[in-house]
Protein backbone atom coordinates (compact mmCIF):
# COMPACT_ATOMS: atom_id res chain seq x y z
CA MET A 1 -13.27 -3.86 0.23
CA SER A 2 -14.68 -7.41 -0.14
CA ALA A 3 -10.98 -8.55 0.69
CA ASN A 4 -11.98 -6.35 3.75
CA GLY A 5 -14.82 -8.72 4.76
CA ALA A 6 -13.08 -11.91 4.22
CA ILE A 7 -10.20 -11.02 6.24
CA ALA A 8 -12.35 -9.54 8.79
CA GLU A 9 -14.18 -12.66 9.12
CA ALA A 10 -11.30 -14.92 8.93
CA LEU A 11 -9.60 -13.26 12.28
CA LYS A 12 -13.03 -12.71 14.22
CA GLY A 13 -11.61 -13.50 17.60
CA GLU A 14 -8.65 -12.86 17.21
CA ASN A 15 -6.68 -10.57 19.42
CA MET A 16 -3.40 -10.03 17.81
CA VAL A 17 -3.35 -9.42 13.98
CA HIS A 18 -1.20 -8.30 11.95
CA ILE A 19 -1.99 -7.18 8.05
CA ILE A 20 0.67 -7.86 5.49
CA ASP A 21 -0.36 -5.39 2.64
CA PHE A 22 1.61 -5.44 -0.63
CA GLN A 23 1.01 -2.15 -2.95
CA ILE A 24 -0.11 -0.15 0.41
CA ALA A 25 -0.58 3.45 -1.44
CA LYS A 26 -2.35 5.51 0.64
CA GLY A 27 -3.95 2.56 3.35
CA ILE A 28 -7.34 3.63 2.50
CA GLN A 29 -8.96 0.49 2.31
CA TRP A 30 -7.97 -0.37 5.66
CA VAL A 31 -9.79 2.79 7.21
CA THR A 32 -13.20 0.70 7.08
CA LEU A 33 -11.74 -2.83 8.17
CA SER A 34 -10.00 -0.35 11.15
CA GLN A 35 -13.70 1.55 12.06
CA ALA A 36 -15.04 -2.26 11.91
CA LEU A 37 -12.83 -3.56 14.29
CA ALA A 38 -13.12 -1.28 17.08
CA ALA A 39 -17.12 -1.73 16.57
CA ARG A 40 -16.15 -5.02 17.55
CA PRO A 41 -18.01 -6.88 20.40
CA GLY A 42 -15.90 -7.54 23.45
CA GLY A 43 -13.55 -4.64 22.17
CA PRO A 44 -10.51 -4.49 19.31
CA PRO A 45 -7.91 -6.72 18.56
CA ARG A 46 -4.56 -5.14 18.66
CA LEU A 47 -3.77 -4.10 15.07
CA ARG A 48 -0.50 -4.33 13.29
CA ILE A 49 0.13 -3.61 9.32
CA THR A 50 2.87 -3.95 7.72
CA GLY A 51 2.93 -1.73 4.20
CA ILE A 52 4.99 -3.33 1.69
CA ASP A 53 5.11 -0.56 -1.88
CA ASP A 54 7.90 0.63 -3.88
CA SER A 55 10.67 2.48 -2.67
CA VAL A 56 9.68 5.61 -5.45
CA SER A 57 6.34 5.49 -3.81
CA ALA A 58 5.41 8.83 -1.85
CA TYR A 59 1.93 7.01 -0.58
CA ALA A 60 3.35 4.79 1.40
CA ARG A 61 4.82 7.38 3.91
CA GLY A 62 1.46 9.20 4.67
CA GLY A 63 -0.65 6.28 4.72
CA GLY A 64 1.09 4.94 8.16
CA GLN A 65 0.69 8.08 9.88
CA ARG A 66 -2.86 9.05 8.49
CA LEU A 67 -4.08 5.03 9.47
CA SER A 68 -2.66 5.60 13.15
CA GLU A 69 -4.59 8.98 13.40
CA LEU A 70 -7.59 6.51 12.16
CA ALA A 71 -6.52 4.05 14.74
CA LYS A 72 -6.21 5.98 17.91
CA SER A 73 -9.44 8.02 17.21
CA CYS A 74 -11.21 4.30 17.21
CA ASN A 75 -9.69 3.21 19.87
CA VAL A 76 -7.49 0.29 18.36
CA PRO A 77 -4.18 -0.21 19.79
CA PHE A 78 -2.56 -0.02 16.24
CA GLU A 79 1.70 -0.48 14.72
CA PHE A 80 2.31 0.63 11.28
CA HIS A 81 5.89 -0.41 9.99
CA GLY A 82 6.30 0.84 5.88
CA ALA A 83 8.87 -1.30 4.05
CA PRO A 84 9.53 0.38 1.26
CA LEU A 85 10.62 -2.19 -0.95
CA SER A 86 9.13 -4.08 -4.32
CA GLY A 87 8.22 -8.04 -3.70
CA CYS A 88 10.75 -9.13 -5.32
CA ASP A 89 13.26 -7.66 -2.85
CA LEU A 90 10.85 -8.94 0.10
CA GLU A 91 13.02 -11.44 2.90
CA LEU A 92 10.96 -12.41 6.02
CA GLU A 93 13.32 -9.77 8.49
CA HIS A 94 11.28 -7.23 6.31
CA ILE A 95 8.17 -8.37 7.57
CA GLY A 96 9.02 -9.04 11.71
CA ILE A 97 6.56 -11.70 12.09
CA ARG A 98 5.76 -12.25 15.87
CA PRO A 99 4.27 -14.79 17.87
CA GLY A 100 0.77 -15.10 18.20
CA GLU A 101 -0.57 -12.66 15.33
CA ALA A 102 -3.07 -14.05 13.19
CA LEU A 103 -1.71 -12.96 10.31
CA ALA A 104 -3.24 -11.97 7.22
CA VAL A 105 -1.39 -10.91 2.99
CA ASN A 106 -3.30 -8.92 0.84
CA PHE A 107 -2.00 -8.87 -2.88
CA ALA A 108 -3.97 -6.25 -4.43
CA PHE A 109 -2.74 -5.77 -8.11
CA GLN A 110 0.84 -6.74 -6.93
CA LEU A 111 1.68 -10.45 -8.67
CA HIS A 112 1.25 -9.08 -12.13
CA HIS A 113 4.20 -7.01 -11.57
CA MET A 114 6.29 -9.84 -10.86
CA PRO A 115 8.22 -11.97 -13.21
CA ASP A 116 7.82 -15.99 -13.61
CA GLU A 117 9.44 -18.50 -14.52
CA SER A 118 8.91 -17.84 -18.54
CA VAL A 119 10.34 -14.27 -17.86
CA SER A 120 13.32 -14.75 -15.17
CA THR A 121 15.10 -17.46 -14.06
CA ARG A 122 15.01 -16.26 -10.93
CA ASN A 123 10.81 -16.56 -10.64
CA TYR A 124 10.42 -14.03 -8.22
CA ARG A 125 6.12 -14.65 -8.07
CA ASP A 126 6.50 -17.84 -7.25
CA ARG A 127 9.40 -17.53 -4.40
CA LEU A 128 7.29 -14.63 -2.72
CA LEU A 129 3.87 -16.67 -2.57
CA ARG A 130 6.39 -20.03 -0.97
CA MET A 131 7.92 -17.30 1.45
CA ILE A 132 4.13 -16.39 2.24
CA LYS A 133 2.57 -19.65 2.44
CA SER A 134 6.33 -20.57 4.86
CA LEU A 135 3.88 -17.86 6.57
CA SER A 136 1.18 -19.85 7.05
CA PRO A 137 -1.49 -17.06 7.36
CA THR A 138 -4.83 -17.70 8.14
CA ILE A 139 -6.01 -15.80 5.05
CA VAL A 140 -4.75 -14.47 1.70
CA THR A 141 -6.83 -12.03 -0.46
CA LEU A 142 -5.70 -11.69 -4.00
CA VAL A 143 -7.32 -9.70 -6.68
CA GLU A 144 -5.54 -8.97 -9.84
CA GLN A 145 -6.46 -7.79 -13.33
CA GLU A 146 -7.44 -9.82 -16.14
CA SER A 147 -4.94 -9.45 -17.79
CA ASN A 148 -1.52 -11.79 -18.45
CA THR A 149 1.17 -9.14 -18.25
CA ASN A 150 4.43 -11.09 -16.83
CA THR A 151 4.67 -14.00 -19.36
CA ALA A 152 6.42 -14.86 -22.11
CA PRO A 153 6.00 -14.73 -25.01
CA PHE A 154 6.53 -10.56 -25.77
CA PHE A 155 4.26 -10.50 -28.30
CA SER A 156 1.41 -12.37 -27.23
CA ARG A 157 1.79 -10.60 -24.13
CA LEU A 158 1.98 -7.46 -25.70
CA LEU A 159 -1.31 -7.79 -27.62
CA GLU A 160 -3.24 -8.96 -24.54
CA ILE A 161 -1.93 -5.45 -22.35
CA VAL A 162 -2.78 -3.37 -25.32
CA ASP A 163 -6.15 -4.77 -25.43
CA TYR A 164 -6.89 -4.38 -21.61
CA TYR A 165 -5.72 -1.04 -21.50
CA ALA A 166 -7.79 0.15 -24.89
CA ALA A 167 -10.87 -0.91 -22.95
CA ILE A 168 -9.88 1.15 -19.85
CA PHE A 169 -8.86 3.92 -21.73
CA GLU A 170 -12.29 4.08 -24.06
CA LEU A 171 -14.47 3.52 -20.59
CA ILE A 172 -12.46 6.48 -18.81
CA GLY A 173 -13.53 8.70 -22.06
CA VAL A 174 -16.70 7.50 -22.61
CA THR A 175 -17.54 8.74 -19.07
CA LEU A 176 -15.42 11.45 -18.00
CA PRO A 177 -14.54 14.19 -19.23
CA ARG A 178 -10.98 15.12 -20.08
CA GLU A 179 -10.43 17.48 -17.06
CA ASN A 180 -13.01 15.77 -14.62
CA LYS A 181 -11.03 15.55 -11.10
CA GLU A 182 -12.17 11.77 -11.17
CA ARG A 183 -10.63 11.35 -14.44
CA ILE A 184 -7.50 12.82 -13.40
CA ASN A 185 -6.94 10.89 -10.25
CA VAL A 186 -7.57 7.33 -11.58
CA GLU A 187 -5.15 8.37 -14.48
CA GLN A 188 -2.62 8.92 -11.83
CA HIS A 189 -3.25 6.93 -9.09
CA CYS A 190 -4.60 4.05 -10.28
CA LEU A 191 -3.19 3.80 -14.16
CA ALA A 192 0.08 5.51 -13.86
CA ARG A 193 1.15 2.66 -10.92
CA ASP A 194 0.35 0.65 -13.56
CA SER A 195 2.76 0.88 -15.95
């Protein structure tokens, strides 16, 4: 949630805010930001969120509706646009940039899924970063795991991934019983999405 604080600070005083969220999932991250914007002196800005999530994810479909209901209850002018595609397939027309909007881009656990130049000659990761840079966002937030999952050579990448996930599963196994709902939620919504 520190990304929310950085975004709120960077967009302080802006009247029109557009957040592009890569891997929006259920949109839960934006609940606290919406509430903070609602309490802003002088009234909330017009908030628009573009939620980018892979086309097979069922999460983004319901997230926009929940965020719309929350914004309405907080009296925040709100618009949601879901883009059911991966960052590799994203084009500028999917984002819908409008003049006068302060732009925030949130990369949460997205870039490690995108191949770089050592894996693919197309280098989707750098292409996406260049596209976002061309939009001159006010702020870009980045949250990533400490694991190199998108570069070659394969064997060293495999060893790093095994070490990373072994530590996570060991921690979960020690702290939460097998049938615990929180454990099932973490495994299903965080780790399964990561694979």
